[in-house]
Amino acid sequence: MGKTSSKHSVRIRRRKHIRKSLSGTSERPRLAVFRSNRHIYAQIVDDEAGRTLMSVSSVTPEIREKTGEMEGKTAVAREVGSLLARKARDKGITTVAFDRGGFLFHGRVKALADAAREVGLKF
């Protein structure tokens, strides 16, 4: 019998390869993205200090209020990205290292990244 891999184990393997070379510092923290079937989560992490500097998700009250008006999960991901970038800008964070968490860079992950770039976050 051949080896079979689930989507989850393939994503975890991909994530480990990414995290070998990607780390957040105090000057350039890591923007980590996690996507579930229903929600999307993003956080800015300083790996040297071991601290999460801020986090925004589709269950955050500011986003949850608007969710009913939005068309689909991609629109919610865009809103999460722009809110995260605005909060980061207010805290003085302008540059981040983007960690897609093993997810492919398209769809909701790409929408979040593009929205964060539009607001002014550089990566």
C-alpha atoms as a PDB file:
ATOM      1  CA  MET A   1       0.000   0.000   0.000  1.00  0.00           C
ATOM      2  CA  GLY A   2       1.143   3.529  -0.770  1.00  0.00           C
ATOM      3  CA  LYS A   3       1.408   6.362   1.679  1.00  0.00           C
ATOM      4  CA  THR A   4      -1.609   8.593   2.059  1.00  0.00           C
ATOM      5  CA  SER A   5      -1.582  12.030   3.607  1.00  0.00           C
ATOM      6  CA  SER A   6      -4.464  14.069   4.823  1.00  0.00           C
ATOM      7  CA  LYS A   7      -4.733  17.722   3.858  1.00  0.00           C
ATOM      8  CA  HIS A   8      -4.043  18.675   7.468  1.00  0.00           C
ATOM      9  CA  SER A   9      -0.794  16.709   7.758  1.00  0.00           C
ATOM     10  CA  VAL A  10       0.429  18.099   4.435  1.00  0.00           C
ATOM     11  CA  ARG A  11      -0.291  21.647   5.657  1.00  0.00           C
ATOM     12  CA  ILE A  12       1.541  20.998   8.953  1.00  0.00           C
ATOM     13  CA  ARG A  13       4.558  19.679   7.019  1.00  0.00           C
ATOM     14  CA  ARG A  14       4.529  22.781   4.796  1.00  0.00           C
ATOM     15  CA  ARG A  15       4.193  25.005   7.883  1.00  0.00           C
ATOM     16  CA  LYS A  16       7.261  23.458   9.529  1.00  0.00           C
ATOM     17  CA  HIS A  17       9.344  24.132   6.423  1.00  0.00           C
ATOM     18  CA  ILE A  18       8.227  27.757   6.394  1.00  0.00           C
ATOM     19  CA  ARG A  19       8.857  28.303  10.123  1.00  0.00           C
ATOM     20  CA  LYS A  20      12.452  27.029   9.865  1.00  0.00           C
ATOM     21  CA  SER A  21      13.467  30.213   8.103  1.00  0.00           C
ATOM     22  CA  LEU A  22      10.807  32.671   9.290  1.00  0.00           C
ATOM     23  CA  SER A  23      10.932  34.329  12.689  1.00  0.00           C
ATOM     24  CA  GLY A  24       9.541  37.537  14.118  1.00  0.00           C
ATOM     25  CA  THR A  25      11.772  40.106  15.795  1.00  0.00           C
ATOM     26  CA  SER A  26      10.953  43.270  17.697  1.00  0.00           C
ATOM     27  CA  GLU A  27      11.857  45.357  14.604  1.00  0.00           C
ATOM     28  CA  ARG A  28      10.027  43.045  12.165  1.00  0.00           C
ATOM     29  CA  PRO A  29       7.405  40.899  13.918  1.00  0.00           C
ATOM     30  CA  ARG A  30       5.697  37.938  12.280  1.00  0.00           C
ATOM     31  CA  LEU A  31       2.164  38.207  10.909  1.00  0.00           C
ATOM     32  CA  ALA A  32       0.749  34.708  11.431  1.00  0.00           C
ATOM     33  CA  VAL A  33      -2.459  33.650   9.682  1.00  0.00           C
ATOM     34  CA  PHE A  34      -4.711  30.710  10.535  1.00  0.00           C
ATOM     35  CA  ARG A  35      -7.744  29.826   8.467  1.00  0.00           C
ATOM     36  CA  SER A  36     -10.471  27.441   9.556  1.00  0.00           C
ATOM     37  CA  ASN A  37     -13.514  26.465   7.525  1.00  0.00           C
ATOM     38  CA  ARG A  38     -15.631  29.185   9.111  1.00  0.00           C
ATOM     39  CA  HIS A  39     -13.235  31.832  10.512  1.00  0.00           C
ATOM     40  CA  ILE A  40      -9.872  33.465   9.850  1.00  0.00           C
ATOM     41  CA  TYR A  41      -7.406  34.569  12.514  1.00  0.00           C
ATOM     42  CA  ALA A  42      -4.345  36.830  12.230  1.00  0.00           C
ATOM     43  CA  GLN A  43      -1.858  37.841  14.883  1.00  0.00           C
ATOM     44  CA  ILE A  44       1.362  39.812  15.037  1.00  0.00           C
ATOM     45  CA  VAL A  45       3.986  37.981  17.091  1.00  0.00           C
ATOM     46  CA  ASP A  46       7.422  38.893  18.444  1.00  0.00           C
ATOM     47  CA  ASP A  47       9.137  35.488  18.555  1.00  0.00           C
ATOM     48  CA  GLU A  48      12.254  36.767  20.344  1.00  0.00           C
ATOM     49  CA  ALA A  49      10.216  37.953  23.332  1.00  0.00           C
ATOM     50  CA  GLY A  50       7.648  35.176  22.917  1.00  0.00           C
ATOM     51  CA  ARG A  51       4.754  37.655  22.926  1.00  0.00           C
ATOM     52  CA  THR A  52       1.695  38.187  20.796  1.00  0.00           C
ATOM     53  CA  LEU A  53       1.574  41.929  20.145  1.00  0.00           C
ATOM     54  CA  MET A  54      -1.970  41.994  18.742  1.00  0.00           C
ATOM     55  CA  SER A  55      -4.553  39.754  17.187  1.00  0.00           C
ATOM     56  CA  VAL A  56      -7.663  40.167  15.066  1.00  0.00           C
ATOM     57  CA  SER A  57     -10.052  37.538  13.809  1.00  0.00           C
ATOM     58  CA  SER A  58     -13.445  37.123  12.262  1.00  0.00           C
ATOM     59  CA  VAL A  59     -14.840  36.624  15.773  1.00  0.00           C
ATOM     60  CA  THR A  60     -13.492  39.979  17.019  1.00  0.00           C
ATOM     61  CA  PRO A  61     -16.473  42.199  17.982  1.00  0.00           C
ATOM     62  CA  GLU A  62     -15.592  44.943  15.450  1.00  0.00           C
ATOM     63  CA  ILE A  63     -15.620  42.412  12.603  1.00  0.00           C
ATOM     64  CA  ARG A  64     -18.490  40.280  13.893  1.00  0.00           C
ATOM     65  CA  GLU A  65     -20.859  43.271  13.804  1.00  0.00           C
ATOM     66  CA  LYS A  66     -20.173  43.775  10.082  1.00  0.00           C
ATOM     67  CA  THR A  67     -20.160  40.083   9.086  1.00  0.00           C
ATOM     68  CA  GLY A  68     -23.863  39.933   8.262  1.00  0.00           C
ATOM     69  CA  GLU A  69     -23.515  42.717   5.688  1.00  0.00           C
ATOM     70  CA  MET A  70     -20.518  41.164   3.912  1.00  0.00           C
ATOM     71  CA  GLU A  71     -20.642  38.846   0.920  1.00  0.00           C
ATOM     72  CA  GLY A  72     -18.717  35.685   1.740  1.00  0.00           C
ATOM     73  CA  LYS A  73     -15.678  34.707   3.747  1.00  0.00           C
ATOM     74  CA  THR A  74     -13.188  36.477   1.460  1.00  0.00           C
ATOM     75  CA  ALA A  75     -14.757  39.842   2.262  1.00  0.00           C
ATOM     76  CA  VAL A  76     -14.467  39.033   5.973  1.00  0.00           C
ATOM     77  CA  ALA A  77     -10.782  38.147   5.473  1.00  0.00           C
ATOM     78  CA  ARG A  78     -10.229  41.523   3.754  1.00  0.00           C
ATOM     79  CA  GLU A  79     -11.805  43.310   6.714  1.00  0.00           C
ATOM     80  CA  VAL A  80      -9.638  41.341   9.182  1.00  0.00           C
ATOM     81  CA  GLY A  81      -6.496  42.302   7.234  1.00  0.00           C
ATOM     82  CA  SER A  82      -7.334  45.989   7.102  1.00  0.00           C
ATOM     83  CA  LEU A  83      -8.286  46.159  10.805  1.00  0.00           C
ATOM     84  CA  LEU A  84      -5.076  44.378  11.787  1.00  0.00           C
ATOM     85  CA  ALA A  85      -2.982  46.766   9.675  1.00  0.00           C
ATOM     86  CA  ARG A  86      -4.724  49.817  11.170  1.00  0.00           C
ATOM     87  CA  LYS A  87      -4.092  48.534  14.714  1.00  0.00           C
ATOM     88  CA  ALA A  88      -0.456  47.771  13.837  1.00  0.00           C
ATOM     89  CA  ARG A  89       0.017  51.245  12.356  1.00  0.00           C
ATOM     90  CA  ASP A  90      -1.382  52.789  15.564  1.00  0.00           C
ATOM     91  CA  LYS A  91       1.170  50.790  17.594  1.00  0.00           C
ATOM     92  CA  GLY A  92       4.022  51.892  15.317  1.00  0.00           C
ATOM     93  CA  ILE A  93       4.498  48.604  13.456  1.00  0.00           C
ATOM     94  CA  THR A  94       5.112  49.200   9.752  1.00  0.00           C
ATOM     95  CA  THR A  95       7.007  46.103   8.558  1.00  0.00           C
ATOM     96  CA  VAL A  96       6.187  42.461   9.247  1.00  0.00           C
ATOM     97  CA  ALA A  97       7.248  39.007   8.078  1.00  0.00           C
ATOM     98  CA  PHE A  98       4.210  37.235   6.576  1.00  0.00           C
ATOM     99  CA  ASP A  99       3.631  33.687   7.841  1.00  0.00           C
ATOM    100  CA  ARG A 100       0.860  32.006   5.869  1.00  0.00           C
ATOM    101  CA  GLY A 101       0.909  29.030   8.244  1.00  0.00           C
ATOM    102  CA  GLY A 102       1.262  26.412   5.533  1.00  0.00           C
ATOM    103  CA  PHE A 103      -1.863  27.581   3.713  1.00  0.00           C
ATOM    104  CA  LEU A 104      -1.594  28.271   0.002  1.00  0.00           C
ATOM    105  CA  PHE A 105      -1.323  31.973  -0.845  1.00  0.00           C
ATOM    106  CA  HIS A 106      -4.649  32.460  -2.568  1.00  0.00           C
ATOM    107  CA  GLY A 107      -8.259  33.027  -1.633  1.00  0.00           C
ATOM    108  CA  ARG A 108      -8.827  34.238   1.912  1.00  0.00           C
ATOM    109  CA  VAL A 109      -5.135  34.285   2.892  1.00  0.00           C
ATOM    110  CA  LYS A 110      -4.273  36.439  -0.134  1.00  0.00           C
ATOM    111  CA  ALA A 111      -7.267  38.724   0.504  1.00  0.00           C
ATOM    112  CA  LEU A 112      -6.097  39.319   4.085  1.00  0.00           C
ATOM    113  CA  ALA A 113      -2.532  40.048   2.924  1.00  0.00           C
ATOM    114  CA  ASP A 114      -3.635  42.416   0.153  1.00  0.00           C
ATOM    115  CA  ALA A 115      -5.924  44.355   2.503  1.00  0.00           C
ATOM    116  CA  ALA A 116      -3.105  44.732   5.052  1.00  0.00           C
ATOM    117  CA  ARG A 117      -0.786  46.008   2.297  1.00  0.00           C
ATOM    118  CA  GLU A 118      -3.374  48.528   1.121  1.00  0.00           C
ATOM    119  CA  VAL A 119      -3.565  50.069   4.596  1.00  0.00           C
ATOM    120  CA  GLY A 120       0.227  50.408   4.677  1.00  0.00           C
ATOM    121  CA  LEU A 121       1.750  47.300   6.243  1.00  0.00           C
ATOM    122  CA  LYS A 122       4.928  46.283   4.401  1.00  0.00           C
ATOM    123  CA  PHE A 123       5.954  42.662   3.784  1.00  0.00           C
END
